[in-house]
């Protein structure tokens, strides 16, 4: 009985070793067959990760340098070389800086240029400022009806004030009635309708 058990155990052990060797041979064939693909995949992964790290580092340096240039420009607003450098480093930040300077100086020419900016918010704000500086009722009206206009209600009020000064009271009332009750300028519009018109 013991001999039979021993033979069974040896047989099972040989079967498991045989299966192990079969799997090892299959794995070896698989590795040989796809070795170049696996190496290429690992190399591509390493290159991708390295490129991403390099890009992130480069972006951080670019942003840091743009901020440094902006700080210098705030001290010397007339430095054209710094202005050009800021434009090359970050056109969006450059447009924001130009806009802030134009607001202080009330520079219509700069507002005109910035009203064609690729940055939506700068384009929007510059369009409003340009129409406001020119006291152009039509431009203010066109701005106010634009979708997502930031200062839409303010443009309506400015337009109404221009109409009041031109003695076009009915038109001013019509413009002021466009301002919704939820607007922060609703009270101003109401006051203009009741008290501002003589």
N, C-alpha and C. Protein backbone atom coordinates (compact mmCIF):
# COMPACT_ATOMS: atom_id res chain seq x y z
N UNK A 1 0.82 -1.18 0.00
CA UNK A 1 0.00 0.00 0.00
C UNK A 1 0.87 1.25 0.00
N UNK A 2 1.89 1.23 0.75
CA UNK A 2 2.80 2.35 0.87
C UNK A 2 3.54 2.59 -0.44
N UNK A 3 3.91 1.53 -1.10
CA UNK A 3 4.60 1.63 -2.38
C UNK A 3 3.69 2.26 -3.42
N UNK A 4 2.44 1.87 -3.40
CA UNK A 4 1.46 2.42 -4.34
C UNK A 4 1.27 3.93 -4.09
N UNK A 5 1.19 4.32 -2.83
CA UNK A 5 1.06 5.74 -2.49
C UNK A 5 2.29 6.53 -2.92
N UNK A 6 3.44 5.91 -2.71
CA UNK A 6 4.68 6.57 -3.10
C UNK A 6 4.74 6.77 -4.61
N UNK A 7 4.31 5.74 -5.34
CA UNK A 7 4.30 5.84 -6.80
C UNK A 7 3.33 6.93 -7.27
N UNK A 8 2.20 7.02 -6.62
CA UNK A 8 1.21 8.05 -6.97
C UNK A 8 1.78 9.44 -6.71
N UNK A 9 2.45 9.56 -5.58
CA UNK A 9 3.03 10.86 -5.23
C UNK A 9 4.12 11.26 -6.23
N UNK A 10 4.95 10.30 -6.60
CA UNK A 10 6.02 10.58 -7.57
C UNK A 10 5.41 10.96 -8.90
N UNK A 11 4.35 10.24 -9.28
CA UNK A 11 3.66 10.50 -10.55
C UNK A 11 3.08 11.92 -10.56
N UNK A 12 2.44 12.30 -9.47
CA UNK A 12 1.85 13.64 -9.37
C UNK A 12 2.93 14.71 -9.40
N UNK A 13 4.02 14.42 -8.73
CA UNK A 13 5.13 15.37 -8.70
C UNK A 13 5.70 15.55 -10.10
N UNK A 14 5.85 14.45 -10.83
CA UNK A 14 6.37 14.53 -12.20
C UNK A 14 5.39 15.30 -13.10
N UNK A 15 4.11 15.06 -12.91
CA UNK A 15 3.10 15.77 -13.70
C UNK A 15 3.16 17.28 -13.44
N UNK A 16 3.31 17.65 -12.15
CA UNK A 16 3.37 19.08 -11.86
C UNK A 16 4.66 19.70 -12.39
N UNK A 17 5.76 18.98 -12.34
CA UNK A 17 7.01 19.50 -12.89
C UNK A 17 6.90 19.62 -14.40
N UNK A 18 6.26 18.66 -15.02
CA UNK A 18 6.07 18.68 -16.47
C UNK A 18 5.22 19.90 -16.87
N UNK A 19 4.16 20.14 -16.11
CA UNK A 19 3.30 21.30 -16.40
C UNK A 19 4.07 22.61 -16.19
N UNK A 20 4.91 22.61 -15.15
CA UNK A 20 5.71 23.81 -14.89
C UNK A 20 6.65 24.07 -16.06
N UNK A 21 7.32 23.03 -16.54
CA UNK A 21 8.24 23.19 -17.66
C UNK A 21 7.51 23.59 -18.94
N UNK A 22 6.31 23.04 -19.13
CA UNK A 22 5.50 23.42 -20.30
C UNK A 22 5.19 24.91 -20.27
N UNK A 23 4.78 25.37 -19.08
CA UNK A 23 4.46 26.79 -18.94
C UNK A 23 5.70 27.65 -19.13
N UNK A 24 6.83 27.19 -18.64
CA UNK A 24 8.08 27.93 -18.80
C UNK A 24 8.44 28.03 -20.28
N UNK A 25 8.25 26.94 -21.03
CA UNK A 25 8.57 26.93 -22.46
C UNK A 25 7.63 27.89 -23.21
N UNK A 26 6.32 27.83 -22.85
CA UNK A 26 5.34 28.71 -23.51
C UNK A 26 5.68 30.18 -23.20
N UNK A 27 6.02 30.46 -21.95
CA UNK A 27 6.38 31.83 -21.56
C UNK A 27 7.63 32.28 -22.30
N UNK A 28 8.61 31.39 -22.40
CA UNK A 28 9.85 31.73 -23.10
C UNK A 28 9.58 32.03 -24.57
N UNK A 29 8.72 31.23 -25.20
CA UNK A 29 8.37 31.46 -26.61
C UNK A 29 7.65 32.81 -26.77
N UNK A 30 6.75 33.09 -25.82
CA UNK A 30 6.00 34.35 -25.86
C UNK A 30 6.95 35.53 -25.73
N UNK A 31 7.88 35.43 -24.77
CA UNK A 31 8.84 36.51 -24.56
C UNK A 31 9.72 36.70 -25.78
N UNK A 32 10.20 35.59 -26.37
CA UNK A 32 11.04 35.70 -27.57
C UNK A 32 10.26 36.33 -28.72
N UNK A 33 9.00 35.94 -28.85
CA UNK A 33 8.18 36.42 -29.96
C UNK A 33 7.87 37.91 -29.81
N UNK A 34 7.56 38.36 -28.59
CA UNK A 34 7.13 39.75 -28.38
C UNK A 34 8.15 40.60 -27.63
N UNK A 35 9.40 40.15 -27.59
CA UNK A 35 10.44 40.86 -26.87
C UNK A 35 10.61 42.29 -27.38
N UNK A 36 10.68 42.45 -28.68
CA UNK A 36 10.89 43.79 -29.25
C UNK A 36 9.69 44.71 -28.96
N UNK A 37 8.49 44.14 -29.02
CA UNK A 37 7.30 44.93 -28.75
C UNK A 37 7.30 45.38 -27.29
N UNK A 38 7.63 44.49 -26.38
CA UNK A 38 7.64 44.84 -24.96
C UNK A 38 8.72 45.88 -24.67
N UNK A 39 9.90 45.70 -25.24
CA UNK A 39 10.98 46.67 -25.04
C UNK A 39 10.57 48.02 -25.62
N UNK A 40 9.96 48.00 -26.80
CA UNK A 40 9.49 49.24 -27.42
C UNK A 40 8.44 49.93 -26.56
N UNK A 41 7.55 49.14 -25.98
CA UNK A 41 6.52 49.71 -25.11
C UNK A 41 7.12 50.37 -23.88
N UNK A 42 8.09 49.69 -23.26
CA UNK A 42 8.75 50.26 -22.08
C UNK A 42 9.51 51.53 -22.45
N UNK A 43 10.21 51.50 -23.58
CA UNK A 43 10.96 52.68 -24.03
C UNK A 43 10.00 53.83 -24.32
N UNK A 44 8.88 53.53 -24.99
CA UNK A 44 7.88 54.57 -25.29
C UNK A 44 7.32 55.16 -24.00
N UNK A 45 7.05 54.31 -23.04
CA UNK A 45 6.53 54.78 -21.75
C UNK A 45 7.53 55.69 -21.06
N UNK A 46 8.80 55.30 -21.05
CA UNK A 46 9.85 56.11 -20.42
C UNK A 46 9.99 57.44 -21.15
N UNK A 47 9.96 57.40 -22.49
CA UNK A 47 10.08 58.65 -23.26
C UNK A 47 8.88 59.55 -23.00
N UNK A 48 7.68 58.96 -22.97
CA UNK A 48 6.46 59.74 -22.71
C UNK A 48 6.49 60.41 -21.35
N UNK A 49 6.87 59.66 -20.33
CA UNK A 49 6.94 60.22 -18.98
C UNK A 49 8.00 61.31 -18.91
N UNK A 50 9.15 61.06 -19.54
CA UNK A 50 10.23 62.06 -19.55
C UNK A 50 9.80 63.33 -20.27
N UNK A 51 9.13 63.17 -21.41
CA UNK A 51 8.67 64.33 -22.17
C UNK A 51 7.64 65.12 -21.36
N UNK A 52 6.75 64.43 -20.67
CA UNK A 52 5.75 65.11 -19.86
C UNK A 52 6.40 65.89 -18.72
N UNK A 53 7.38 65.29 -18.08
CA UNK A 53 8.10 65.98 -16.99
C UNK A 53 8.83 67.20 -17.54
N UNK A 54 9.48 67.05 -18.70
CA UNK A 54 10.21 68.17 -19.31
C UNK A 54 9.25 69.29 -19.69
N UNK A 55 8.09 68.94 -20.26
CA UNK A 55 7.11 69.95 -20.66
C UNK A 55 6.58 70.70 -19.44
N UNK A 56 6.25 69.96 -18.39
CA UNK A 56 5.75 70.59 -17.16
C UNK A 56 6.79 71.53 -16.58
N UNK A 57 8.02 71.10 -16.54
CA UNK A 57 9.11 71.93 -16.03
C UNK A 57 9.27 73.19 -16.89
N UNK A 58 9.22 73.02 -18.21
CA UNK A 58 9.36 74.14 -19.14
C UNK A 58 8.22 75.13 -18.95
N UNK A 59 6.99 74.63 -18.81
CA UNK A 59 5.82 75.50 -18.59
C UNK A 59 5.94 76.28 -17.30
N UNK A 60 6.39 75.60 -16.25
CA UNK A 60 6.56 76.29 -14.97
C UNK A 60 7.60 77.40 -15.08
N UNK A 61 8.68 77.13 -15.80
CA UNK A 61 9.71 78.15 -16.00
C UNK A 61 9.17 79.32 -16.82
N UNK A 62 8.38 79.01 -17.87
CA UNK A 62 7.80 80.05 -18.72
C UNK A 62 6.85 80.94 -17.91
N UNK A 63 6.01 80.32 -17.10
CA UNK A 63 5.06 81.07 -16.27
C UNK A 63 5.81 81.94 -15.25
N UNK A 64 6.83 81.36 -14.64
CA UNK A 64 7.62 82.10 -13.66
C UNK A 64 8.31 83.30 -14.31
N UNK A 65 8.86 83.07 -15.49
CA UNK A 65 9.55 84.16 -16.20
C UNK A 65 8.55 85.24 -16.63
N UNK A 66 7.37 84.83 -17.09
CA UNK A 66 6.34 85.80 -17.49
C UNK A 66 5.93 86.65 -16.29
N UNK A 67 5.77 86.02 -15.14
CA UNK A 67 5.41 86.78 -13.93
C UNK A 67 6.51 87.76 -13.53
N UNK A 68 7.74 87.33 -13.69
CA UNK A 68 8.88 88.20 -13.38
C UNK A 68 8.91 89.41 -14.32
N UNK A 69 8.68 89.16 -15.61
CA UNK A 69 8.66 90.25 -16.59
C UNK A 69 7.50 91.21 -16.28
N UNK A 70 6.35 90.65 -15.90
CA UNK A 70 5.20 91.50 -15.55
C UNK A 70 5.53 92.39 -14.36
N UNK A 71 6.20 91.85 -13.37
CA UNK A 71 6.60 92.65 -12.19
C UNK A 71 7.49 93.82 -12.61
N UNK A 72 8.43 93.54 -13.51
CA UNK A 72 9.33 94.60 -13.99
C UNK A 72 8.56 95.63 -14.81
N UNK A 73 7.60 95.16 -15.59
CA UNK A 73 6.79 96.08 -16.40
C UNK A 73 5.93 96.99 -15.54
N UNK A 74 5.50 96.52 -14.41
CA UNK A 74 4.69 97.35 -13.52
C UNK A 74 5.52 98.50 -12.96
N UNK A 75 6.82 98.27 -12.85
CA UNK A 75 7.71 99.33 -12.37
C UNK A 75 8.07 100.30 -13.49
N UNK A 76 8.18 99.79 -14.71
CA UNK A 76 8.56 100.61 -15.87
C UNK A 76 7.61 100.29 -17.02
N UNK A 77 6.46 100.98 -17.07
CA UNK A 77 5.42 100.66 -18.06
C UNK A 77 5.81 101.05 -19.48
N UNK A 78 6.87 101.83 -19.65
CA UNK A 78 7.26 102.28 -20.99
C UNK A 78 8.30 101.38 -21.65
N UNK A 79 8.76 100.35 -20.97
CA UNK A 79 9.81 99.48 -21.50
C UNK A 79 9.24 98.55 -22.57
N UNK A 80 9.53 98.89 -23.82
CA UNK A 80 8.99 98.14 -24.96
C UNK A 80 9.59 96.74 -25.08
N UNK A 81 10.86 96.61 -24.72
CA UNK A 81 11.51 95.28 -24.79
C UNK A 81 10.84 94.30 -23.83
N UNK A 82 10.56 94.77 -22.62
CA UNK A 82 9.88 93.91 -21.65
C UNK A 82 8.46 93.58 -22.12
N UNK A 83 7.80 94.56 -22.73
CA UNK A 83 6.44 94.33 -23.25
C UNK A 83 6.45 93.26 -24.34
N UNK A 84 7.44 93.33 -25.23
CA UNK A 84 7.56 92.33 -26.30
C UNK A 84 7.88 90.95 -25.72
N UNK A 85 8.75 90.93 -24.72
CA UNK A 85 9.10 89.66 -24.09
C UNK A 85 7.89 89.03 -23.42
N UNK A 86 7.08 89.85 -22.74
CA UNK A 86 5.87 89.34 -22.10
C UNK A 86 4.90 88.80 -23.15
N UNK A 87 4.78 89.47 -24.27
CA UNK A 87 3.90 89.00 -25.34
C UNK A 87 4.37 87.65 -25.87
N UNK A 88 5.68 87.47 -26.00
CA UNK A 88 6.18 86.19 -26.50
C UNK A 88 6.03 85.08 -25.46
N UNK A 89 6.15 85.42 -24.18
CA UNK A 89 6.03 84.40 -23.13
C UNK A 89 4.58 84.03 -22.86
N UNK A 90 3.70 85.03 -22.81
CA UNK A 90 2.29 84.78 -22.49
C UNK A 90 1.42 85.86 -23.10
N UNK A 91 0.89 85.61 -24.31
CA UNK A 91 0.04 86.61 -24.96
C UNK A 91 -1.18 87.00 -24.11
N UNK A 92 -1.74 86.06 -23.39
CA UNK A 92 -2.91 86.36 -22.57
C UNK A 92 -2.55 87.31 -21.43
N UNK A 93 -1.47 87.03 -20.74
CA UNK A 93 -1.02 87.91 -19.66
C UNK A 93 -0.63 89.28 -20.21
N UNK A 94 -0.03 89.29 -21.38
CA UNK A 94 0.34 90.55 -22.02
C UNK A 94 -0.90 91.39 -22.32
N UNK A 95 -1.95 90.74 -22.84
CA UNK A 95 -3.20 91.47 -23.12
C UNK A 95 -3.82 92.01 -21.83
N UNK A 96 -3.76 91.24 -20.76
CA UNK A 96 -4.30 91.69 -19.47
C UNK A 96 -3.52 92.90 -18.97
N UNK A 97 -2.21 92.87 -19.11
CA UNK A 97 -1.38 94.00 -18.69
C UNK A 97 -1.70 95.24 -19.53
N UNK A 98 -1.77 95.07 -20.85
CA UNK A 98 -2.09 96.20 -21.73
C UNK A 98 -3.45 96.79 -21.38
N UNK A 99 -4.40 95.91 -21.07
CA UNK A 99 -5.73 96.39 -20.71
C UNK A 99 -5.68 97.21 -19.42
N UNK A 100 -4.95 96.74 -18.43
CA UNK A 100 -4.88 97.48 -17.15
C UNK A 100 -4.24 98.85 -17.34
N UNK A 101 -3.22 98.92 -18.19
CA UNK A 101 -2.57 100.21 -18.46
C UNK A 101 -3.52 101.11 -19.24
N UNK A 102 -4.24 100.55 -20.20
CA UNK A 102 -5.17 101.34 -21.02
C UNK A 102 -6.31 101.90 -20.17
N UNK A 103 -6.76 101.14 -19.17
CA UNK A 103 -7.84 101.63 -18.29
C UNK A 103 -7.36 102.85 -17.52
N UNK A 104 -6.15 102.78 -17.00
CA UNK A 104 -5.60 103.91 -16.23
C UNK A 104 -5.41 105.12 -17.13
N UNK A 105 -4.92 104.90 -18.35
CA UNK A 105 -4.61 106.01 -19.26
C UNK A 105 -5.80 106.38 -20.15
N UNK A 106 -6.88 105.60 -20.08
CA UNK A 106 -8.07 105.80 -20.93
C UNK A 106 -7.65 105.88 -22.40
N UNK A 107 -6.87 104.88 -22.82
CA UNK A 107 -6.25 104.82 -24.14
C UNK A 107 -7.17 104.10 -25.14
N UNK A 108 -7.90 104.87 -25.94
CA UNK A 108 -8.85 104.30 -26.90
C UNK A 108 -8.17 103.45 -27.95
N UNK A 109 -6.97 103.83 -28.38
CA UNK A 109 -6.26 103.07 -29.41
C UNK A 109 -5.94 101.66 -28.91
N UNK A 110 -5.52 101.56 -27.66
CA UNK A 110 -5.23 100.24 -27.08
C UNK A 110 -6.50 99.43 -26.92
N UNK A 111 -7.59 100.09 -26.48
CA UNK A 111 -8.88 99.39 -26.37
C UNK A 111 -9.31 98.85 -27.73
N UNK A 112 -9.07 99.63 -28.77
CA UNK A 112 -9.42 99.21 -30.13
C UNK A 112 -8.66 97.93 -30.50
N UNK A 113 -7.36 97.91 -30.22
CA UNK A 113 -6.55 96.72 -30.52
C UNK A 113 -7.00 95.52 -29.68
N UNK A 114 -7.23 95.77 -28.39
CA UNK A 114 -7.59 94.68 -27.48
C UNK A 114 -9.01 94.15 -27.74
N UNK A 115 -9.84 94.93 -28.40
CA UNK A 115 -11.19 94.45 -28.71
C UNK A 115 -11.16 93.35 -29.76
N UNK A 116 -9.97 93.10 -30.32
CA UNK A 116 -9.78 92.00 -31.28
C UNK A 116 -8.90 90.88 -30.69
N UNK A 117 -8.71 90.92 -29.38
CA UNK A 117 -7.86 89.94 -28.69
C UNK A 117 -8.44 88.53 -28.80
N UNK A 118 -7.56 87.55 -28.71
CA UNK A 118 -7.99 86.14 -28.72
C UNK A 118 -8.50 85.71 -27.35
N UNK A 119 -8.22 86.49 -26.33
CA UNK A 119 -8.67 86.18 -24.98
C UNK A 119 -10.06 86.78 -24.79
N UNK A 120 -11.07 85.92 -24.56
CA UNK A 120 -12.45 86.39 -24.53
C UNK A 120 -12.68 87.51 -23.53
N UNK A 121 -12.21 87.34 -22.32
CA UNK A 121 -12.50 88.34 -21.28
C UNK A 121 -11.87 89.69 -21.61
N UNK A 122 -10.66 89.68 -22.13
CA UNK A 122 -9.99 90.94 -22.50
C UNK A 122 -10.73 91.58 -23.67
N UNK A 123 -11.09 90.77 -24.64
CA UNK A 123 -11.84 91.26 -25.80
C UNK A 123 -13.15 91.92 -25.36
N UNK A 124 -13.85 91.25 -24.45
CA UNK A 124 -15.13 91.74 -23.96
C UNK A 124 -14.96 93.06 -23.20
N UNK A 125 -14.05 93.07 -22.24
CA UNK A 125 -13.84 94.27 -21.43
C UNK A 125 -13.34 95.45 -22.27
N UNK A 126 -12.46 95.18 -23.21
CA UNK A 126 -11.94 96.26 -24.07
C UNK A 126 -13.05 96.81 -24.97
N UNK A 127 -13.94 95.95 -25.45
CA UNK A 127 -15.06 96.42 -26.28
C UNK A 127 -15.95 97.36 -25.47
N UNK A 128 -16.23 97.00 -24.24
CA UNK A 128 -17.04 97.86 -23.37
C UNK A 128 -16.33 99.20 -23.13
N UNK A 129 -15.07 99.13 -22.73
CA UNK A 129 -14.32 100.35 -22.41
C UNK A 129 -14.24 101.28 -23.62
N UNK A 130 -14.04 100.69 -24.81
CA UNK A 130 -13.95 101.51 -26.02
C UNK A 130 -15.27 102.24 -26.27
N UNK A 131 -16.38 101.52 -26.20
CA UNK A 131 -17.69 102.14 -26.41
C UNK A 131 -17.97 103.18 -25.34
N UNK A 132 -17.58 102.91 -24.12
CA UNK A 132 -17.82 103.84 -23.02
C UNK A 132 -16.98 105.10 -23.17
N UNK A 133 -15.70 104.95 -23.52
CA UNK A 133 -14.83 106.11 -23.69
C UNK A 133 -15.30 107.00 -24.83
N UNK A 134 -15.80 106.38 -25.89
CA UNK A 134 -16.28 107.16 -27.04
C UNK A 134 -17.67 107.75 -26.81
N UNK A 135 -18.32 107.31 -25.72
CA UNK A 135 -19.71 107.71 -25.45
C UNK A 135 -20.58 107.39 -26.67
N UNK A 136 -20.35 106.21 -27.24
CA UNK A 136 -21.03 105.76 -28.45
C UNK A 136 -22.25 104.91 -28.07
N UNK A 137 -23.44 105.51 -28.18
CA UNK A 137 -24.67 104.82 -27.77
C UNK A 137 -24.89 103.54 -28.58
N UNK A 138 -24.61 103.59 -29.85
CA UNK A 138 -24.82 102.41 -30.71
C UNK A 138 -23.87 101.29 -30.32
N UNK A 139 -22.61 101.62 -30.08
CA UNK A 139 -21.62 100.61 -29.68
C UNK A 139 -21.98 100.02 -28.31
N UNK A 140 -22.45 100.86 -27.40
CA UNK A 140 -22.88 100.36 -26.08
C UNK A 140 -24.08 99.43 -26.22
N UNK A 141 -25.01 99.79 -27.09
CA UNK A 141 -26.19 98.95 -27.32
C UNK A 141 -25.77 97.60 -27.93
N UNK A 142 -24.88 97.66 -28.92
CA UNK A 142 -24.39 96.43 -29.55
C UNK A 142 -23.68 95.55 -28.53
N UNK A 143 -22.91 96.19 -27.65
CA UNK A 143 -22.20 95.43 -26.62
C UNK A 143 -23.19 94.78 -25.65
N UNK A 144 -24.20 95.54 -25.23
CA UNK A 144 -25.15 95.06 -24.22
C UNK A 144 -25.95 93.84 -24.69
N UNK A 145 -26.19 93.73 -25.99
CA UNK A 145 -26.99 92.60 -26.48
C UNK A 145 -26.13 91.38 -26.83
N UNK A 146 -24.82 91.53 -26.74
CA UNK A 146 -23.95 90.38 -27.01
C UNK A 146 -24.15 89.32 -25.93
N UNK A 147 -24.14 88.07 -26.37
CA UNK A 147 -24.28 86.97 -25.41
C UNK A 147 -23.03 86.91 -24.52
N UNK A 148 -23.23 86.73 -23.23
CA UNK A 148 -22.16 86.62 -22.23
C UNK A 148 -21.36 87.90 -22.03
N UNK A 149 -21.93 89.05 -22.40
CA UNK A 149 -21.24 90.32 -22.16
C UNK A 149 -21.14 90.54 -20.65
N UNK A 150 -19.95 90.81 -20.18
CA UNK A 150 -19.71 90.94 -18.74
C UNK A 150 -20.40 92.17 -18.16
N UNK A 151 -20.29 93.29 -18.86
CA UNK A 151 -20.86 94.55 -18.37
C UNK A 151 -22.14 94.92 -19.13
N UNK A 152 -22.95 93.95 -19.48
CA UNK A 152 -24.14 94.21 -20.29
C UNK A 152 -25.06 95.22 -19.62
N UNK A 153 -25.38 95.02 -18.35
CA UNK A 153 -26.29 95.93 -17.66
C UNK A 153 -25.67 97.32 -17.49
N UNK A 154 -24.39 97.37 -17.24
CA UNK A 154 -23.71 98.67 -17.11
C UNK A 154 -23.74 99.41 -18.45
N UNK A 155 -23.58 98.68 -19.53
CA UNK A 155 -23.63 99.29 -20.86
C UNK A 155 -25.03 99.84 -21.14
N UNK A 156 -26.06 99.13 -20.67
CA UNK A 156 -27.43 99.62 -20.84
C UNK A 156 -27.62 100.92 -20.07
N UNK A 157 -27.11 100.98 -18.86
CA UNK A 157 -27.24 102.20 -18.06
C UNK A 157 -26.46 103.36 -18.71
N UNK A 158 -25.26 103.08 -19.17
CA UNK A 158 -24.46 104.11 -19.85
C UNK A 158 -25.19 104.62 -21.08
N UNK A 159 -25.78 103.68 -21.82
CA UNK A 159 -26.53 104.03 -23.02
C UNK A 159 -27.73 104.91 -22.64
N UNK A 160 -28.43 104.55 -21.57
CA UNK A 160 -29.59 105.32 -21.13
C UNK A 160 -29.18 106.73 -20.71
N UNK A 161 -28.05 106.86 -20.04
CA UNK A 161 -27.56 108.18 -19.63
C UNK A 161 -27.28 109.05 -20.86
N UNK A 162 -26.68 108.45 -21.88
CA UNK A 162 -26.42 109.19 -23.12
C UNK A 162 -27.75 109.64 -23.75
N UNK A 163 -28.73 108.73 -23.76
CA UNK A 163 -30.04 109.07 -24.32
C UNK A 163 -30.73 110.17 -23.50
N UNK A 164 -30.60 110.11 -22.17
CA UNK A 164 -31.18 111.16 -21.31
C UNK A 164 -30.54 112.50 -21.63
N UNK A 165 -29.22 112.52 -21.78
CA UNK A 165 -28.52 113.76 -22.10
C UNK A 165 -28.93 114.31 -23.47
N UNK A 166 -29.31 113.40 -24.39
CA UNK A 166 -29.77 113.80 -25.72
C UNK A 166 -31.27 114.09 -25.74
N UNK A 167 -31.90 114.09 -24.54
CA UNK A 167 -33.33 114.36 -24.37
C UNK A 167 -34.22 113.31 -25.06
N UNK A 168 -33.75 112.09 -25.13
CA UNK A 168 -34.53 110.98 -25.70
C UNK A 168 -35.04 110.13 -24.53
N UNK A 169 -35.97 110.70 -23.79
CA UNK A 169 -36.44 110.12 -22.54
C UNK A 169 -37.13 108.77 -22.76
N UNK A 170 -37.99 108.67 -23.75
CA UNK A 170 -38.70 107.41 -24.01
C UNK A 170 -37.73 106.28 -24.33
N UNK A 171 -36.74 106.59 -25.17
CA UNK A 171 -35.73 105.57 -25.52
C UNK A 171 -34.94 105.15 -24.27
N UNK A 172 -34.63 106.13 -23.42
CA UNK A 172 -33.90 105.83 -22.18
C UNK A 172 -34.73 104.91 -21.28
N UNK A 173 -36.03 105.20 -21.16
CA UNK A 173 -36.92 104.35 -20.36
C UNK A 173 -36.94 102.92 -20.91
N UNK A 174 -37.01 102.84 -22.21
CA UNK A 174 -37.04 101.51 -22.85
C UNK A 174 -35.77 100.73 -22.54
N UNK A 175 -34.62 101.39 -22.63
CA UNK A 175 -33.34 100.72 -22.34
C UNK A 175 -33.28 100.29 -20.87
N UNK A 176 -33.68 101.19 -19.97
CA UNK A 176 -33.60 100.89 -18.55
C UNK A 176 -34.54 99.76 -18.14
N UNK A 177 -35.63 99.59 -18.87
CA UNK A 177 -36.56 98.50 -18.54
C UNK A 177 -36.00 97.13 -18.92
N UNK A 178 -34.91 97.11 -19.67
CA UNK A 178 -34.28 95.83 -20.05
C UNK A 178 -33.51 95.21 -18.89
N UNK A 179 -33.20 95.99 -17.88
CA UNK A 179 -32.42 95.48 -16.75
C UNK A 179 -33.36 94.70 -15.82
N UNK A 180 -33.01 93.47 -15.56
CA UNK A 180 -33.85 92.58 -14.75
C UNK A 180 -33.73 92.90 -13.26
N UNK A 181 -34.75 92.49 -12.53
CA UNK A 181 -34.75 92.73 -11.08
C UNK A 181 -33.62 92.00 -10.37
N UNK A 182 -33.12 90.93 -10.95
CA UNK A 182 -32.05 90.17 -10.32
C UNK A 182 -30.68 90.82 -10.51
N UNK A 183 -30.62 91.83 -11.35
CA UNK A 183 -29.34 92.51 -11.61
C UNK A 183 -28.95 93.39 -10.42
N UNK A 184 -27.66 93.48 -10.18
CA UNK A 184 -27.17 94.35 -9.11
C UNK A 184 -27.36 95.83 -9.48
N UNK A 185 -27.62 96.12 -10.74
CA UNK A 185 -27.82 97.50 -11.18
C UNK A 185 -29.30 97.86 -11.33
N UNK A 186 -30.17 96.97 -10.88
CA UNK A 186 -31.62 97.23 -11.02
C UNK A 186 -32.03 98.49 -10.27
N UNK A 187 -31.51 98.70 -9.08
CA UNK A 187 -31.86 99.89 -8.29
C UNK A 187 -31.37 101.17 -8.97
N UNK A 188 -30.22 101.09 -9.58
CA UNK A 188 -29.70 102.26 -10.30
C UNK A 188 -30.63 102.57 -11.48
N UNK A 189 -31.02 101.54 -12.20
CA UNK A 189 -31.93 101.73 -13.33
C UNK A 189 -33.26 102.31 -12.88
N UNK A 190 -33.77 101.80 -11.76
CA UNK A 190 -35.04 102.31 -11.22
C UNK A 190 -34.90 103.77 -10.81
N UNK A 191 -33.81 104.10 -10.15
CA UNK A 191 -33.58 105.49 -9.74
C UNK A 191 -33.48 106.41 -10.95
N UNK A 192 -32.80 105.95 -11.99
CA UNK A 192 -32.69 106.77 -13.20
C UNK A 192 -34.06 106.97 -13.85
N UNK A 193 -34.86 105.94 -13.85
CA UNK A 193 -36.19 106.06 -14.44
C UNK A 193 -37.06 107.05 -13.66
N UNK A 194 -36.93 107.05 -12.35
CA UNK A 194 -37.80 107.89 -11.53
C UNK A 194 -37.23 109.27 -11.24
N UNK A 195 -35.95 109.35 -10.98
CA UNK A 195 -35.37 110.62 -10.53
C UNK A 195 -34.44 111.28 -11.52
N UNK A 196 -33.87 110.53 -12.39
CA UNK A 196 -32.84 111.06 -13.30
C UNK A 196 -33.41 111.75 -14.52
N UNK A 197 -34.71 111.62 -14.76
CA UNK A 197 -35.29 112.18 -15.97
C UNK A 197 -36.12 113.40 -15.60
N UNK A 198 -35.76 114.54 -16.16
CA UNK A 198 -36.46 115.78 -15.82
C UNK A 198 -37.30 116.25 -16.98
